[in-house]
């Protein structure tokens, strides 16, 4: 039992600070693995604002593909989909908090 615990402990130590990447998360040659910065997020939001009707009425996957191939080439369509999803979730949470009575405004 002690050996099994030590073996697991060693594996955990090796993996600390490392993020395993699923096969579906592999990026193409022209896409690097980098965190979202404010500039890229702003580019995404500006493009969404300018093309909102297309986003609403077309297949979302096509929209994400266009953004990935023409606007933010360093991110995959999946990255763009996930980023928009996280931004919308955060927006809805803030909106809900601001609509509650006796709560201070959240920005």
C-alpha atoms as a PDB file:
ATOM      1  CA  UNK A   1       0.000   0.000   0.000  1.00  0.00           C
ATOM      2  CA  UNK A   2       2.849   2.360   0.903  1.00  0.00           C
ATOM      3  CA  UNK A   3       4.547   1.734  -2.474  1.00  0.00           C
ATOM      4  CA  UNK A   4       1.350   2.463  -4.392  1.00  0.00           C
ATOM      5  CA  UNK A   5       0.927   5.736  -2.517  1.00  0.00           C
ATOM      6  CA  UNK A   6       4.547   6.752  -3.189  1.00  0.00           C
ATOM      7  CA  UNK A   7       4.179   5.872  -6.874  1.00  0.00           C
ATOM      8  CA  UNK A   8       1.087   8.055  -7.175  1.00  0.00           C
ATOM      9  CA  UNK A   9       2.816  10.836  -5.269  1.00  0.00           C
ATOM     10  CA  UNK A  10       5.760  10.757  -7.718  1.00  0.00           C
ATOM     11  CA  UNK A  11       3.415  10.946 -10.719  1.00  0.00           C
ATOM     12  CA  UNK A  12       1.613  13.933  -9.197  1.00  0.00           C
ATOM     13  CA  UNK A  13       4.932  15.708  -8.569  1.00  0.00           C
ATOM     14  CA  UNK A  14       5.986  15.156 -12.189  1.00  0.00           C
ATOM     15  CA  UNK A  15       2.692  16.563 -13.457  1.00  0.00           C
ATOM     16  CA  UNK A  16       2.626  19.650 -11.242  1.00  0.00           C
ATOM     17  CA  UNK A  17       2.772  22.760 -13.355  1.00  0.00           C
ATOM     18  CA  UNK A  18       2.200  20.780 -16.514  1.00  0.00           C
ATOM     19  CA  UNK A  19      -1.082  20.784 -18.365  1.00  0.00           C
ATOM     20  CA  UNK A  20      -1.900  17.702 -20.344  1.00  0.00           C
ATOM     21  CA  UNK A  21      -3.216  18.435 -23.786  1.00  0.00           C
ATOM     22  CA  UNK A  22      -5.945  16.268 -25.264  1.00  0.00           C
ATOM     23  CA  UNK A  23      -5.579  15.126 -28.858  1.00  0.00           C
ATOM     24  CA  UNK A  24      -8.515  17.341 -29.808  1.00  0.00           C
ATOM     25  CA  UNK A  25      -6.679  20.390 -28.456  1.00  0.00           C
ATOM     26  CA  UNK A  26      -3.676  20.086 -30.744  1.00  0.00           C
ATOM     27  CA  UNK A  27      -2.975  23.262 -32.638  1.00  0.00           C
ATOM     28  CA  UNK A  28      -1.971  23.712 -36.244  1.00  0.00           C
ATOM     29  CA  UNK A  29       1.450  24.899 -37.376  1.00  0.00           C
ATOM     30  CA  UNK A  30       0.488  28.585 -37.503  1.00  0.00           C
ATOM     31  CA  UNK A  31      -1.236  28.569 -34.104  1.00  0.00           C
ATOM     32  CA  UNK A  32       0.797  28.933 -30.953  1.00  0.00           C
ATOM     33  CA  UNK A  33      -0.201  27.967 -27.448  1.00  0.00           C
ATOM     34  CA  UNK A  34      -0.603  31.268 -25.652  1.00  0.00           C
ATOM     35  CA  UNK A  35      -2.975  32.831 -23.177  1.00  0.00           C
ATOM     36  CA  UNK A  36      -5.627  35.281 -24.284  1.00  0.00           C
ATOM     37  CA  UNK A  37      -4.499  38.878 -23.875  1.00  0.00           C
ATOM     38  CA  UNK A  38      -6.617  42.027 -23.856  1.00  0.00           C
ATOM     39  CA  UNK A  39      -5.770  42.906 -27.476  1.00  0.00           C
ATOM     40  CA  UNK A  40      -6.932  39.559 -28.846  1.00  0.00           C
ATOM     41  CA  UNK A  41     -10.067  39.647 -26.706  1.00  0.00           C
ATOM     42  CA  UNK A  42     -10.816  43.150 -27.957  1.00  0.00           C
ATOM     43  CA  UNK A  43     -10.298  42.038 -31.583  1.00  0.00           C
ATOM     44  CA  UNK A  44     -12.746  39.209 -31.015  1.00  0.00           C
ATOM     45  CA  UNK A  45     -15.367  41.458 -29.443  1.00  0.00           C
ATOM     46  CA  UNK A  46     -15.033  44.116 -32.164  1.00  0.00           C
ATOM     47  CA  UNK A  47     -15.430  41.506 -34.885  1.00  0.00           C
ATOM     48  CA  UNK A  48     -18.432  40.032 -33.066  1.00  0.00           C
ATOM     49  CA  UNK A  49     -20.019  43.484 -32.766  1.00  0.00           C
ATOM     50  CA  UNK A  50     -19.498  44.242 -36.461  1.00  0.00           C
ATOM     51  CA  UNK A  51     -20.779  40.818 -37.565  1.00  0.00           C
ATOM     52  CA  UNK A  52     -23.390  40.082 -34.932  1.00  0.00           C
ATOM     53  CA  UNK A  53     -26.178  39.321 -37.423  1.00  0.00           C
ATOM     54  CA  UNK A  54     -23.960  36.744 -39.087  1.00  0.00           C
ATOM     55  CA  UNK A  55     -23.193  35.250 -35.677  1.00  0.00           C
ATOM     56  CA  UNK A  56     -26.897  35.051 -34.805  1.00  0.00           C
ATOM     57  CA  UNK A  57     -28.153  33.633 -38.093  1.00  0.00           C
ATOM     58  CA  UNK A  58     -25.361  31.371 -39.316  1.00  0.00           C
ATOM     59  CA  UNK A  59     -23.807  28.222 -37.982  1.00  0.00           C
ATOM     60  CA  UNK A  60     -21.661  29.157 -35.025  1.00  0.00           C
ATOM     61  CA  UNK A  61     -18.912  26.763 -36.094  1.00  0.00           C
ATOM     62  CA  UNK A  62     -18.539  28.635 -39.402  1.00  0.00           C
ATOM     63  CA  UNK A  63     -18.264  31.914 -37.528  1.00  0.00           C
ATOM     64  CA  UNK A  64     -15.550  30.519 -35.238  1.00  0.00           C
ATOM     65  CA  UNK A  65     -13.680  29.143 -38.264  1.00  0.00           C
ATOM     66  CA  UNK A  66     -13.720  32.557 -39.974  1.00  0.00           C
ATOM     67  CA  UNK A  67     -12.450  34.319 -36.868  1.00  0.00           C
ATOM     68  CA  UNK A  68      -9.727  31.702 -36.450  1.00  0.00           C
ATOM     69  CA  UNK A  69      -8.555  31.838 -40.049  1.00  0.00           C
ATOM     70  CA  UNK A  70      -8.855  35.582 -40.773  1.00  0.00           C
ATOM     71  CA  UNK A  71      -8.975  37.641 -37.572  1.00  0.00           C
ATOM     72  CA  UNK A  72      -7.103  35.855 -34.783  1.00  0.00           C
ATOM     73  CA  UNK A  73      -4.958  33.333 -36.601  1.00  0.00           C
ATOM     74  CA  UNK A  74      -3.044  32.329 -33.484  1.00  0.00           C
ATOM     75  CA  UNK A  75      -6.181  30.750 -31.984  1.00  0.00           C
ATOM     76  CA  UNK A  76      -8.179  27.728 -33.105  1.00  0.00           C
ATOM     77  CA  UNK A  77     -11.915  27.814 -33.720  1.00  0.00           C
ATOM     78  CA  UNK A  78     -12.348  25.801 -30.515  1.00  0.00           C
ATOM     79  CA  UNK A  79     -10.333  28.392 -28.536  1.00  0.00           C
ATOM     80  CA  UNK A  80     -12.509  31.180 -29.906  1.00  0.00           C
ATOM     81  CA  UNK A  81     -15.715  29.314 -29.083  1.00  0.00           C
ATOM     82  CA  UNK A  82     -14.525  28.682 -25.516  1.00  0.00           C
ATOM     83  CA  UNK A  83     -13.413  32.301 -25.051  1.00  0.00           C
ATOM     84  CA  UNK A  84     -16.783  33.682 -26.186  1.00  0.00           C
ATOM     85  CA  UNK A  85     -18.553  31.197 -23.949  1.00  0.00           C
ATOM     86  CA  UNK A  86     -16.487  32.267 -20.905  1.00  0.00           C
ATOM     87  CA  UNK A  87     -17.034  35.963 -21.672  1.00  0.00           C
ATOM     88  CA  UNK A  88     -20.801  35.477 -21.989  1.00  0.00           C
ATOM     89  CA  UNK A  89     -20.908  33.483 -18.746  1.00  0.00           C
ATOM     90  CA  UNK A  90     -19.022  36.203 -16.916  1.00  0.00           C
ATOM     91  CA  UNK A  91     -21.258  38.905 -18.419  1.00  0.00           C
ATOM     92  CA  UNK A  92     -24.402  37.038 -17.329  1.00  0.00           C
ATOM     93  CA  UNK A  93     -23.045  36.568 -13.792  1.00  0.00           C
ATOM     94  CA  UNK A  94     -22.277  40.290 -13.458  1.00  0.00           C
ATOM     95  CA  UNK A  95     -25.641  41.215 -14.942  1.00  0.00           C
ATOM     96  CA  UNK A  96     -27.426  38.928 -12.487  1.00  0.00           C
ATOM     97  CA  UNK A  97     -25.506  40.371  -9.520  1.00  0.00           C
ATOM     98  CA  UNK A  98     -26.279  43.930 -10.621  1.00  0.00           C
ATOM     99  CA  UNK A  99     -29.980  43.142 -10.873  1.00  0.00           C
ATOM    100  CA  UNK A 100     -30.207  41.815  -7.311  1.00  0.00           C
ATOM    101  CA  UNK A 101     -31.543  44.189  -4.709  1.00  0.00           C
ATOM    102  CA  UNK A 102     -29.191  45.438  -1.996  1.00  0.00           C
ATOM    103  CA  UNK A 103     -26.110  44.577  -4.003  1.00  0.00           C
ATOM    104  CA  UNK A 104     -23.438  47.020  -5.051  1.00  0.00           C
ATOM    105  CA  UNK A 105     -22.721  47.443  -8.719  1.00  0.00           C
ATOM    106  CA  UNK A 106     -20.150  45.051 -10.162  1.00  0.00           C
ATOM    107  CA  UNK A 107     -18.071  46.024 -13.205  1.00  0.00           C
END
